[in-house]
């Protein structure tokens, strides 16, 4: 439990740094069901973002409230990025590290490189990740060599369309992607997301999302895998 506690404190400290720097804090609650969840599952996530003119850093963690894998500290990530301009297009170039406890004895880590751009009605993200599965240190003790499986150069993608420009008080958007903040699917396992945003004040926004996960595109038929609802808030400090 020491390592998750240290990570949790570090991310909380980043959130306080963002607070002093007048950036943003975000929190959201997920509730859903899929074919392996054995009923409803729920998760709570918190994210802090510190951003300057030419660079930024984002970090967050996820807690499992009700879920079959019996892990409380699900996942954490850190994402530094830089901003460059090519012509009239502003690009975010960044890297990311994600640590996930799939079960009490199995871990997943991801190293990511990505490029992102925002247009008036669109957001595009393209990246690649190296994924490693390994046993926890305790589970690996009986083995002479640590057991690992590594997948290299997986493709990550996201295409989002916004009904209205970002600055409007309310908005509706749809996303086609194979990743979320704490999960990365295979290239042939995209997810669909419908989102509604509402700004209660200039600093505080509320949002809701409906996510749908099919079983995959490159199978004999596309079948239902899972669906969840997300309720969140974004506070620009």
Protein backbone atom coordinates (compact mmCIF):
# COMPACT_ATOMS: atom_id res chain seq x y z
CA UNK A 1 0.00 0.00 0.00
CA UNK A 2 2.99 2.35 0.34
CA UNK A 3 3.46 2.96 -3.37
CA UNK A 4 -0.21 3.90 -4.12
CA UNK A 5 -0.22 6.19 -1.07
CA UNK A 6 2.96 8.00 -2.22
CA UNK A 7 1.54 8.37 -5.74
CA UNK A 8 -1.76 9.67 -4.36
CA UNK A 9 0.05 12.31 -2.29
CA UNK A 10 2.19 13.37 -5.26
CA UNK A 11 -0.85 13.86 -7.48
CA UNK A 12 -2.67 15.76 -4.73
CA UNK A 13 0.38 18.03 -4.47
CA UNK A 14 0.18 18.67 -8.22
CA UNK A 15 -3.46 19.61 -7.75
CA UNK A 16 -2.47 22.15 -5.10
CA UNK A 17 0.23 23.53 -7.41
CA UNK A 18 -2.41 23.93 -10.10
CA UNK A 19 -4.56 25.68 -7.52
CA UNK A 20 -1.84 28.28 -6.86
CA UNK A 21 -1.12 28.67 -10.57
CA UNK A 22 -4.81 29.27 -11.35
CA UNK A 23 -5.29 26.39 -13.73
CA UNK A 24 -7.86 23.60 -13.42
CA UNK A 25 -9.07 20.70 -11.32
CA UNK A 26 -11.47 18.05 -12.58
CA UNK A 27 -13.41 15.23 -10.94
CA UNK A 28 -15.84 12.68 -12.32
CA UNK A 29 -17.83 9.62 -11.31
CA UNK A 30 -18.40 6.60 -13.59
CA UNK A 31 -21.12 3.98 -13.21
CA UNK A 32 -21.70 1.23 -15.72
CA UNK A 33 -21.94 -2.42 -16.62
CA UNK A 34 -20.11 -4.76 -18.99
CA UNK A 35 -19.92 -8.48 -19.69
CA UNK A 36 -17.25 -9.11 -17.03
CA UNK A 37 -18.29 -6.67 -14.28
CA UNK A 38 -20.73 -9.05 -12.52
CA UNK A 39 -23.28 -6.24 -12.17
CA UNK A 40 -22.81 -2.50 -11.85
CA UNK A 41 -19.35 -1.04 -11.24
CA UNK A 42 -18.39 2.49 -10.17
CA UNK A 43 -15.19 4.55 -10.21
CA UNK A 44 -14.08 7.99 -9.00
CA UNK A 45 -11.37 10.00 -10.78
CA UNK A 46 -9.58 13.27 -9.99
CA UNK A 47 -7.27 15.26 -12.30
CA UNK A 48 -5.12 18.35 -11.91
CA UNK A 49 -3.77 20.45 -14.80
CA UNK A 50 -0.95 23.03 -14.65
CA UNK A 51 -0.56 24.96 -17.92
CA UNK A 52 1.71 27.73 -19.18
CA UNK A 53 1.83 29.45 -22.57
CA UNK A 54 4.19 26.93 -24.19
CA UNK A 55 3.85 23.84 -22.03
CA UNK A 56 1.68 22.05 -19.51
CA UNK A 57 1.43 19.00 -17.29
CA UNK A 58 -1.60 16.94 -16.29
CA UNK A 59 -1.87 14.17 -13.69
CA UNK A 60 -4.69 12.14 -12.27
CA UNK A 61 -5.73 9.03 -10.36
CA UNK A 62 -8.71 6.68 -10.34
CA UNK A 63 -10.27 4.85 -7.39
CA UNK A 64 -12.40 1.74 -7.76
CA UNK A 65 -15.49 2.01 -5.58
CA UNK A 66 -17.44 -1.06 -6.69
CA UNK A 67 -15.77 -3.47 -9.12
CA UNK A 68 -14.97 -7.19 -9.48
CA UNK A 69 -11.14 -6.88 -9.54
CA UNK A 70 -11.08 -5.94 -5.84
CA UNK A 71 -8.58 -3.07 -6.25
CA UNK A 72 -9.18 0.36 -4.68
CA UNK A 73 -6.29 2.33 -6.22
CA UNK A 74 -7.04 1.51 -9.87
CA UNK A 75 -4.73 3.72 -11.85
CA UNK A 76 -2.68 6.91 -12.11
CA UNK A 77 -1.08 8.83 -14.96
CA UNK A 78 1.16 11.81 -15.69
CA UNK A 79 1.18 13.71 -18.96
CA UNK A 80 3.66 16.53 -19.78
CA UNK A 81 3.24 18.28 -23.14
CA UNK A 82 4.56 21.19 -25.16
CA UNK A 83 2.76 23.60 -27.49
CA UNK A 84 4.03 24.45 -30.98
CA UNK A 85 2.45 26.36 -33.85
CA UNK A 86 2.69 25.30 -37.48
CA UNK A 87 1.10 27.98 -39.66
CA UNK A 88 -2.30 28.69 -38.09
CA UNK A 89 -2.53 25.28 -36.39
CA UNK A 90 -1.59 24.90 -32.70
CA UNK A 91 -0.32 21.43 -31.79
CA UNK A 92 0.19 19.76 -28.41
CA UNK A 93 3.11 17.32 -28.48
CA UNK A 94 3.43 15.17 -25.40
CA UNK A 95 4.30 11.98 -23.60
CA UNK A 96 2.38 10.06 -20.97
CA UNK A 97 2.87 7.28 -18.44
CA UNK A 98 -0.09 5.23 -17.13
CA UNK A 99 0.06 2.67 -14.30
CA UNK A 100 -2.95 0.39 -13.83
CA UNK A 101 -3.77 -2.42 -11.40
CA UNK A 102 -5.85 -4.83 -13.48
CA UNK A 103 -6.18 -7.15 -10.46
CA UNK A 104 -4.42 -7.56 -7.09
CA UNK A 105 -1.68 -9.59 -8.85
CA UNK A 106 -1.54 -8.12 -12.38
CA UNK A 107 -0.21 -4.72 -13.47
CA UNK A 108 -0.33 -2.84 -16.77
CA UNK A 109 1.91 0.10 -17.71
CA UNK A 110 1.79 2.27 -20.82
CA UNK A 111 4.37 4.68 -22.28
CA UNK A 112 2.72 7.04 -24.79
CA UNK A 113 3.71 9.64 -27.39
CA UNK A 114 0.94 11.75 -28.93
CA UNK A 115 0.06 14.83 -30.99
CA UNK A 116 -3.22 16.75 -30.49
CA UNK A 117 -4.90 19.70 -32.16
CA UNK A 118 -8.15 21.59 -31.52
CA UNK A 119 -10.11 23.33 -34.30
CA UNK A 120 -13.37 25.27 -34.07
CA UNK A 121 -15.60 22.18 -34.20
CA UNK A 122 -13.07 19.33 -34.14
CA UNK A 123 -10.40 17.74 -31.97
CA UNK A 124 -7.93 15.23 -33.41
CA UNK A 125 -5.44 13.08 -31.47
CA UNK A 126 -2.98 10.54 -32.86
CA UNK A 127 -0.44 8.62 -30.82
CA UNK A 128 1.37 5.38 -30.13
CA UNK A 129 1.93 3.42 -26.94
CA UNK A 130 4.04 0.58 -25.59
CA UNK A 131 2.04 -1.60 -23.21
CA UNK A 132 3.54 -4.00 -20.65
CA UNK A 133 1.72 -6.59 -18.53
CA UNK A 134 3.52 -7.96 -15.47
CA UNK A 135 2.87 -9.64 -12.16
CA UNK A 136 2.96 -7.60 -8.97
CA UNK A 137 6.20 -7.87 -6.99
CA UNK A 138 4.51 -10.10 -4.40
CA UNK A 139 2.98 -12.41 -7.01
CA UNK A 140 6.29 -12.62 -8.91
CA UNK A 141 8.36 -13.72 -5.86
CA UNK A 142 8.04 -17.52 -6.49
CA UNK A 143 9.46 -17.14 -10.03
CA UNK A 144 13.17 -16.83 -10.80
CA UNK A 145 12.58 -14.36 -13.63
CA UNK A 146 9.92 -11.67 -13.62
CA UNK A 147 7.13 -12.50 -16.04
CA UNK A 148 6.35 -9.72 -18.57
CA UNK A 149 4.46 -9.39 -21.85
CA UNK A 150 5.12 -6.27 -23.94
CA UNK A 151 3.15 -4.87 -26.91
CA UNK A 152 5.00 -2.21 -28.89
CA UNK A 153 3.81 0.59 -31.18
CA UNK A 154 0.07 0.26 -30.65
CA UNK A 155 -1.91 3.00 -32.41
CA UNK A 156 -4.06 5.45 -30.44
CA UNK A 157 -6.62 7.74 -32.07
CA UNK A 158 -9.42 10.15 -31.20
CA UNK A 159 -11.79 12.15 -33.38
CA UNK A 160 -14.25 14.49 -31.64
CA UNK A 161 -16.87 16.74 -33.22
CA UNK A 162 -18.39 19.65 -31.26
CA UNK A 163 -21.76 21.05 -32.21
CA UNK A 164 -20.75 24.56 -31.10
CA UNK A 165 -17.37 26.31 -30.59
CA UNK A 166 -15.63 25.75 -27.23
CA UNK A 167 -16.47 29.16 -25.75
CA UNK A 168 -20.27 28.66 -25.78
CA UNK A 169 -22.13 28.18 -22.51
CA UNK A 170 -23.46 24.75 -23.51
CA UNK A 171 -22.22 22.22 -26.00
CA UNK A 172 -22.85 18.76 -27.38
CA UNK A 173 -20.07 16.56 -28.76
CA UNK A 174 -19.50 13.06 -30.08
CA UNK A 175 -16.21 11.13 -29.97
CA UNK A 176 -14.82 8.08 -31.77
CA UNK A 177 -11.71 6.81 -29.96
CA UNK A 178 -9.86 3.75 -28.71
CA UNK A 179 -8.71 5.28 -25.40
CA UNK A 180 -9.87 7.17 -22.34
CA UNK A 181 -7.72 8.73 -19.62
CA UNK A 182 -7.12 5.47 -17.74
CA UNK A 183 -7.75 2.83 -20.39
CA UNK A 184 -6.31 2.11 -23.85
CA UNK A 185 -8.13 -0.33 -26.11
CA UNK A 186 -6.67 -2.19 -29.07
CA UNK A 187 -6.84 -0.40 -32.45
CA UNK A 188 -9.84 -2.50 -33.54
CA UNK A 189 -11.78 -1.85 -30.30
CA UNK A 190 -13.05 1.74 -30.58
CA UNK A 191 -15.41 3.39 -28.11
CA UNK A 192 -18.22 5.86 -28.82
CA UNK A 193 -18.90 8.80 -26.51
CA UNK A 194 -21.73 11.36 -26.45
CA UNK A 195 -21.09 14.35 -24.16
CA UNK A 196 -23.06 17.38 -22.91
CA UNK A 197 -21.28 20.39 -21.33
CA UNK A 198 -22.83 23.27 -19.42
CA UNK A 199 -20.96 26.25 -17.92
CA UNK A 200 -22.65 27.33 -14.70
CA UNK A 201 -20.13 30.19 -14.32
CA UNK A 202 -17.04 31.36 -16.18
CA UNK A 203 -14.95 29.07 -13.94
CA UNK A 204 -17.18 26.05 -13.27
CA UNK A 205 -18.49 23.59 -15.86
CA UNK A 206 -20.62 20.49 -15.42
CA UNK A 207 -20.75 17.65 -17.92
CA UNK A 208 -22.26 14.24 -18.54
CA UNK A 209 -21.09 11.50 -20.90
CA UNK A 210 -22.53 8.28 -22.27
CA UNK A 211 -19.89 5.72 -23.35
CA UNK A 212 -20.55 2.63 -25.46
CA UNK A 213 -17.98 -0.14 -25.98
CA UNK A 214 -18.56 -2.67 -28.78
CA UNK A 215 -16.62 -5.96 -28.65
CA UNK A 216 -14.56 -4.99 -31.71
CA UNK A 217 -14.61 -4.11 -35.41
CA UNK A 218 -12.41 -6.90 -36.82
CA UNK A 219 -14.57 -9.76 -35.60
CA UNK A 220 -17.28 -11.72 -37.41
CA UNK A 221 -19.87 -9.40 -35.93
CA UNK A 222 -19.72 -6.31 -33.74
CA UNK A 223 -21.33 -7.21 -30.41
CA UNK A 224 -22.14 -5.26 -27.28
CA UNK A 225 -19.43 -5.28 -24.58
CA UNK A 226 -20.33 -2.52 -22.14
CA UNK A 227 -21.77 0.91 -21.43
CA UNK A 228 -21.23 3.47 -18.70
CA UNK A 229 -22.35 6.96 -17.67
CA UNK A 230 -19.94 9.67 -16.49
CA UNK A 231 -20.88 12.73 -14.41
CA UNK A 232 -18.18 15.34 -13.88
CA UNK A 233 -17.18 18.90 -13.12
CA UNK A 234 -14.30 21.09 -14.31
CA UNK A 235 -13.12 23.99 -12.15
CA UNK A 236 -10.88 26.66 -13.69
CA UNK A 237 -9.19 28.20 -10.69
